[in-house]
Protein backbone atom coordinates (compact mmCIF):
# COMPACT_ATOMS: atom_id res chain seq x y z
CA MET A 1 64.63 244.00 -1.18
CA LYS A 2 61.74 241.59 -1.49
CA LYS A 3 58.33 242.85 -2.58
CA ALA A 4 56.74 241.96 0.81
CA GLU A 5 59.39 243.97 2.66
CA LEU A 6 58.78 246.96 0.43
CA ILE A 7 55.05 246.92 1.15
CA LEU A 8 55.67 246.98 4.89
CA THR A 9 57.78 250.11 4.66
CA ILE A 10 55.20 252.19 2.77
CA GLN A 11 53.15 254.55 4.91
CA PRO A 12 49.36 254.19 4.65
CA VAL A 13 47.64 256.75 2.46
CA ARG A 14 44.80 258.73 3.95
CA PHE A 15 41.95 258.71 1.44
CA MET A 16 39.32 260.66 3.37
CA LYS A 17 39.55 263.79 5.45
CA ASN A 18 38.18 263.40 8.95
CA THR A 19 34.55 264.56 9.07
CA TYR A 20 34.70 265.95 12.61
CA LYS A 21 34.45 269.70 13.11
CA LEU A 22 34.76 271.92 16.12
CA ILE A 23 31.63 273.55 17.46
CA TRP A 24 32.34 276.85 19.20
CA SER A 25 30.06 278.10 21.96
CA ASN A 26 29.12 281.78 22.05
CA GLU A 27 31.23 282.16 25.19
CA ALA A 28 34.27 280.63 23.48
CA LEU A 29 33.87 282.91 20.45
CA ASN A 30 33.50 285.98 22.68
CA ASN A 31 36.61 284.97 24.64
CA LEU A 32 38.57 284.46 21.43
CA LYS A 33 37.48 287.88 20.14
CA GLY A 34 38.61 289.47 23.42
CA ILE A 35 41.97 287.74 23.18
CA ILE A 36 42.41 288.88 19.57
CA ASP A 37 41.51 292.47 20.49
CA TYR A 38 44.05 292.38 23.34
CA LEU A 39 46.79 290.97 21.11
CA GLU A 40 46.13 293.47 18.32
CA ASN A 41 46.73 296.32 20.77
CA ARG A 42 49.90 294.89 22.30
CA TRP A 43 51.63 292.58 19.82
CA THR A 44 53.17 293.03 16.39
CA LYS A 45 51.50 291.66 13.27
CA ARG A 46 54.29 289.10 12.99
CA GLU A 47 53.66 287.81 16.54
CA ILE A 48 49.91 287.67 15.94
CA LYS A 49 50.44 285.73 12.70
CA LYS A 50 52.66 283.22 14.48
CA ILE A 51 50.21 282.63 17.36
CA SER A 52 47.37 282.38 14.82
CA GLN A 53 49.25 279.64 12.95
CA LEU A 54 49.91 277.78 16.21
CA LEU A 55 46.24 278.02 17.16
CA ASP A 56 45.17 276.73 13.73
CA LYS A 57 47.57 273.82 14.09
CA GLN A 58 46.13 272.91 17.50
CA LEU A 59 42.54 273.20 16.26
CA ASN A 60 43.33 270.93 13.29
CA LEU A 61 44.94 268.45 15.66
CA ILE A 62 41.76 268.36 17.75
CA GLU A 63 39.60 267.95 14.64
CA ASP A 64 41.76 265.06 13.42
CA ASN A 65 41.91 263.44 16.88
CA PRO A 66 38.62 264.26 18.62
CA TYR A 67 39.29 261.87 21.50
CA LEU A 68 42.63 263.51 22.27
CA LEU A 69 41.00 265.72 24.90
CA PRO A 70 38.15 265.02 27.33
CA ARG A 71 34.64 265.88 26.22
CA ALA A 72 33.14 269.13 27.55
CA ILE A 73 30.93 268.58 30.59
CA ASN A 74 28.24 271.11 29.68
CA GLN A 75 27.08 269.88 26.28
CA MET A 76 25.04 272.46 24.35
CA VAL A 77 24.46 270.17 21.35
């Protein structure tokens, strides 16, 4: 394999972490707390852990790709 071909097959390295972060409204935090309270009373710890991991994955996806979803209409910031 030629050197130029080898360079083309290497994946780019990400040097910096994305600097975007999610900003939660009070309403969103209250809703999340209500959902967690509901789940804690009805689901097993294993199920809660799994849904928590899925939520974290989705939140990280949004932080890494902030234009993936439309911007909120009512901007508080």
